[in-house]
Amino acid sequence: MAKKTEFEKLRNMLKEGARESPLLIFRATNKATGESFREVSNRRRFKDLEQMLATKYQLIVDNDELFVTDNVVRWAIAENKLHDQPEDPQNKQAFKEPTNAVLRDHNLPINV
């Protein structure tokens, strides 16, 4: 049997995690400006963000229960790097690209 790549291992971990807390796409709209963006998350984190950001943003689920695709795995890798170094401009851009790829996969407008 072939040795699993790190990418395959991460895919399997995401699938396991999604069984407990499904992945989704949500839209966050700033209540003051009306500006919005979309994000990939799991249901548990979405509920936490909904409570934390309730005064500034309206959060709406655009797509429930995403499948774990190659683009979702790439998003997770970029999200982890951004979490480790949130102010790094390269990480911000590297996060935006796979997020937009997931949005395109689901026929949703991309983040500009």
C-alpha atoms as a PDB file:
ATOM      1  CA  MET A   1       0.000   0.000   0.000  1.00  0.00           C
ATOM      2  CA  ALA A   2       1.331   3.416  -0.944  1.00  0.00           C
ATOM      3  CA  LYS A   3       2.325   5.865   1.763  1.00  0.00           C
ATOM      4  CA  LYS A   4      -0.204   8.661   2.238  1.00  0.00           C
ATOM      5  CA  THR A   5       0.947  12.141   1.370  1.00  0.00           C
ATOM      6  CA  GLU A   6       0.551  15.000   3.839  1.00  0.00           C
ATOM      7  CA  PHE A   7      -2.177  16.383   1.574  1.00  0.00           C
ATOM      8  CA  GLU A   8      -4.140  13.115   1.786  1.00  0.00           C
ATOM      9  CA  LYS A   9      -3.663  12.980   5.556  1.00  0.00           C
ATOM     10  CA  LEU A  10      -5.003  16.512   5.908  1.00  0.00           C
ATOM     11  CA  ARG A  11      -7.952  15.668   3.647  1.00  0.00           C
ATOM     12  CA  ASN A  12      -8.812  12.717   5.903  1.00  0.00           C
ATOM     13  CA  MET A  13      -8.487  14.866   9.037  1.00  0.00           C
ATOM     14  CA  LEU A  14     -10.819  17.482   7.517  1.00  0.00           C
ATOM     15  CA  LYS A  15     -13.355  14.791   6.598  1.00  0.00           C
ATOM     16  CA  GLU A  16     -13.274  13.455  10.155  1.00  0.00           C
ATOM     17  CA  GLY A  17     -13.687  16.943  11.602  1.00  0.00           C
ATOM     18  CA  ALA A  18     -16.530  17.723   9.201  1.00  0.00           C
ATOM     19  CA  ARG A  19     -18.487  14.753  10.540  1.00  0.00           C
ATOM     20  CA  GLU A  20     -18.591  16.452  13.931  1.00  0.00           C
ATOM     21  CA  SER A  21     -18.812  20.068  12.745  1.00  0.00           C
ATOM     22  CA  PRO A  22     -19.657  20.358   9.017  1.00  0.00           C
ATOM     23  CA  LEU A  23     -17.829  22.832   6.810  1.00  0.00           C
ATOM     24  CA  LEU A  24     -19.811  25.732   5.381  1.00  0.00           C
ATOM     25  CA  ILE A  25     -19.520  29.054   3.567  1.00  0.00           C
ATOM     26  CA  PHE A  26     -20.917  32.144   5.227  1.00  0.00           C
ATOM     27  CA  ARG A  27     -21.308  35.787   4.270  1.00  0.00           C
ATOM     28  CA  ALA A  28     -20.430  38.493   6.794  1.00  0.00           C
ATOM     29  CA  THR A  29     -22.021  41.878   6.164  1.00  0.00           C
ATOM     30  CA  ASN A  30     -20.851  44.935   8.069  1.00  0.00           C
ATOM     31  CA  LYS A  31     -23.974  46.498   9.592  1.00  0.00           C
ATOM     32  CA  ALA A  32     -22.573  50.036   9.360  1.00  0.00           C
ATOM     33  CA  THR A  33     -21.159  50.022   5.820  1.00  0.00           C
ATOM     34  CA  GLY A  34     -22.986  47.184   4.079  1.00  0.00           C
ATOM     35  CA  GLU A  35     -19.679  45.772   2.870  1.00  0.00           C
ATOM     36  CA  SER A  36     -19.497  42.005   2.895  1.00  0.00           C
ATOM     37  CA  PHE A  37     -17.134  39.104   2.398  1.00  0.00           C
ATOM     38  CA  ARG A  38     -17.469  35.348   2.353  1.00  0.00           C
ATOM     39  CA  GLU A  39     -15.556  32.846   4.438  1.00  0.00           C
ATOM     40  CA  VAL A  40     -15.179  29.096   4.811  1.00  0.00           C
ATOM     41  CA  SER A  41     -15.606  27.732   8.317  1.00  0.00           C
ATOM     42  CA  ASN A  42     -17.002  24.866  10.296  1.00  0.00           C
ATOM     43  CA  ARG A  43     -20.364  25.084  12.005  1.00  0.00           C
ATOM     44  CA  ARG A  44     -18.901  25.336  15.525  1.00  0.00           C
ATOM     45  CA  ARG A  45     -16.618  28.253  14.624  1.00  0.00           C
ATOM     46  CA  PHE A  46     -19.468  29.938  12.717  1.00  0.00           C
ATOM     47  CA  LYS A  47     -21.666  29.848  15.831  1.00  0.00           C
ATOM     48  CA  ASP A  48     -18.823  31.322  17.921  1.00  0.00           C
ATOM     49  CA  LEU A  49     -18.187  34.084  15.366  1.00  0.00           C
ATOM     50  CA  GLU A  50     -21.903  34.811  15.161  1.00  0.00           C
ATOM     51  CA  GLN A  51     -21.922  35.591  18.897  1.00  0.00           C
ATOM     52  CA  MET A  52     -18.589  37.447  18.961  1.00  0.00           C
ATOM     53  CA  LEU A  53     -19.335  39.666  15.953  1.00  0.00           C
ATOM     54  CA  ALA A  54     -23.107  40.179  16.398  1.00  0.00           C
ATOM     55  CA  THR A  55     -22.847  43.903  17.100  1.00  0.00           C
ATOM     56  CA  LYS A  56     -20.845  44.685  13.926  1.00  0.00           C
ATOM     57  CA  TYR A  57     -21.713  41.973  11.395  1.00  0.00           C
ATOM     58  CA  GLN A  58     -24.681  40.001  10.200  1.00  0.00           C
ATOM     59  CA  LEU A  59     -23.567  36.445   9.391  1.00  0.00           C
ATOM     60  CA  ILE A  60     -25.575  34.328   6.964  1.00  0.00           C
ATOM     61  CA  VAL A  61     -24.791  30.792   5.795  1.00  0.00           C
ATOM     62  CA  ASP A  62     -24.549  30.693   1.986  1.00  0.00           C
ATOM     63  CA  ASN A  63     -23.690  27.018   1.602  1.00  0.00           C
ATOM     64  CA  ASP A  64     -24.069  24.283   4.185  1.00  0.00           C
ATOM     65  CA  GLU A  65     -22.021  21.088   4.488  1.00  0.00           C
ATOM     66  CA  LEU A  66     -19.200  21.444   1.977  1.00  0.00           C
ATOM     67  CA  PHE A  67     -17.458  18.384   0.622  1.00  0.00           C
ATOM     68  CA  VAL A  68     -13.726  18.178   1.339  1.00  0.00           C
ATOM     69  CA  THR A  69     -12.247  18.897  -2.100  1.00  0.00           C
ATOM     70  CA  ASP A  70      -8.667  19.701  -3.089  1.00  0.00           C
ATOM     71  CA  ASN A  71      -9.549  23.410  -2.897  1.00  0.00           C
ATOM     72  CA  VAL A  72     -10.934  22.989   0.623  1.00  0.00           C
ATOM     73  CA  VAL A  73      -7.701  21.256   1.669  1.00  0.00           C
ATOM     74  CA  ARG A  74      -5.668  24.118   0.133  1.00  0.00           C
ATOM     75  CA  TRP A  75      -7.893  26.596   1.996  1.00  0.00           C
ATOM     76  CA  ALA A  76      -7.217  24.767   5.288  1.00  0.00           C
ATOM     77  CA  ILE A  77      -3.451  24.878   4.717  1.00  0.00           C
ATOM     78  CA  ALA A  78      -3.572  28.623   3.984  1.00  0.00           C
ATOM     79  CA  GLU A  79      -5.924  29.252   6.926  1.00  0.00           C
ATOM     80  CA  ASN A  80      -3.472  27.545   9.268  1.00  0.00           C
ATOM     81  CA  LYS A  81      -0.561  29.657   7.991  1.00  0.00           C
ATOM     82  CA  LEU A  82      -2.615  32.833   8.360  1.00  0.00           C
ATOM     83  CA  HIS A  83      -3.564  31.844  11.900  1.00  0.00           C
ATOM     84  CA  ASP A  84       0.132  31.392  12.775  1.00  0.00           C
ATOM     85  CA  GLN A  85       1.201  34.731  11.214  1.00  0.00           C
ATOM     86  CA  PRO A  86      -1.921  36.903  10.694  1.00  0.00           C
ATOM     87  CA  GLU A  87      -0.075  40.119   9.819  1.00  0.00           C
ATOM     88  CA  ASP A  88       2.105  38.616   7.088  1.00  0.00           C
ATOM     89  CA  PRO A  89       0.847  40.093   3.764  1.00  0.00           C
ATOM     90  CA  GLN A  90       1.957  36.975   1.868  1.00  0.00           C
ATOM     91  CA  ASN A  91      -0.158  34.802   4.165  1.00  0.00           C
ATOM     92  CA  LYS A  92      -3.151  37.098   3.683  1.00  0.00           C
ATOM     93  CA  GLN A  93      -2.893  36.797  -0.100  1.00  0.00           C
ATOM     94  CA  ALA A  94      -2.158  33.069   0.110  1.00  0.00           C
ATOM     95  CA  PHE A  95      -5.365  32.709   2.160  1.00  0.00           C
ATOM     96  CA  LYS A  96      -7.507  34.766  -0.201  1.00  0.00           C
ATOM     97  CA  GLU A  97      -6.687  32.666  -3.277  1.00  0.00           C
ATOM     98  CA  PRO A  98      -7.874  29.249  -2.019  1.00  0.00           C
ATOM     99  CA  THR A  99     -10.859  30.872  -0.285  1.00  0.00           C
ATOM    100  CA  ASN A 100     -11.915  32.345  -3.635  1.00  0.00           C
ATOM    101  CA  ALA A 101     -11.331  28.964  -5.324  1.00  0.00           C
ATOM    102  CA  VAL A 102     -13.787  27.348  -2.888  1.00  0.00           C
ATOM    103  CA  LEU A 103     -16.271  30.169  -3.502  1.00  0.00           C
ATOM    104  CA  ARG A 104     -15.965  29.674  -7.288  1.00  0.00           C
ATOM    105  CA  ASP A 105     -16.509  25.913  -6.831  1.00  0.00           C
ATOM    106  CA  HIS A 106     -19.876  26.788  -5.264  1.00  0.00           C
ATOM    107  CA  ASN A 107     -20.827  29.489  -7.774  1.00  0.00           C
ATOM    108  CA  LEU A 108     -20.579  32.270  -5.188  1.00  0.00           C
ATOM    109  CA  PRO A 109     -19.063  35.735  -5.700  1.00  0.00           C
ATOM    110  CA  ILE A 110     -15.382  35.877  -4.779  1.00  0.00           C
ATOM    111  CA  ASN A 111     -13.836  38.207  -2.212  1.00  0.00           C
ATOM    112  CA  VAL A 112     -12.151  41.221  -3.822  1.00  0.00           C
END
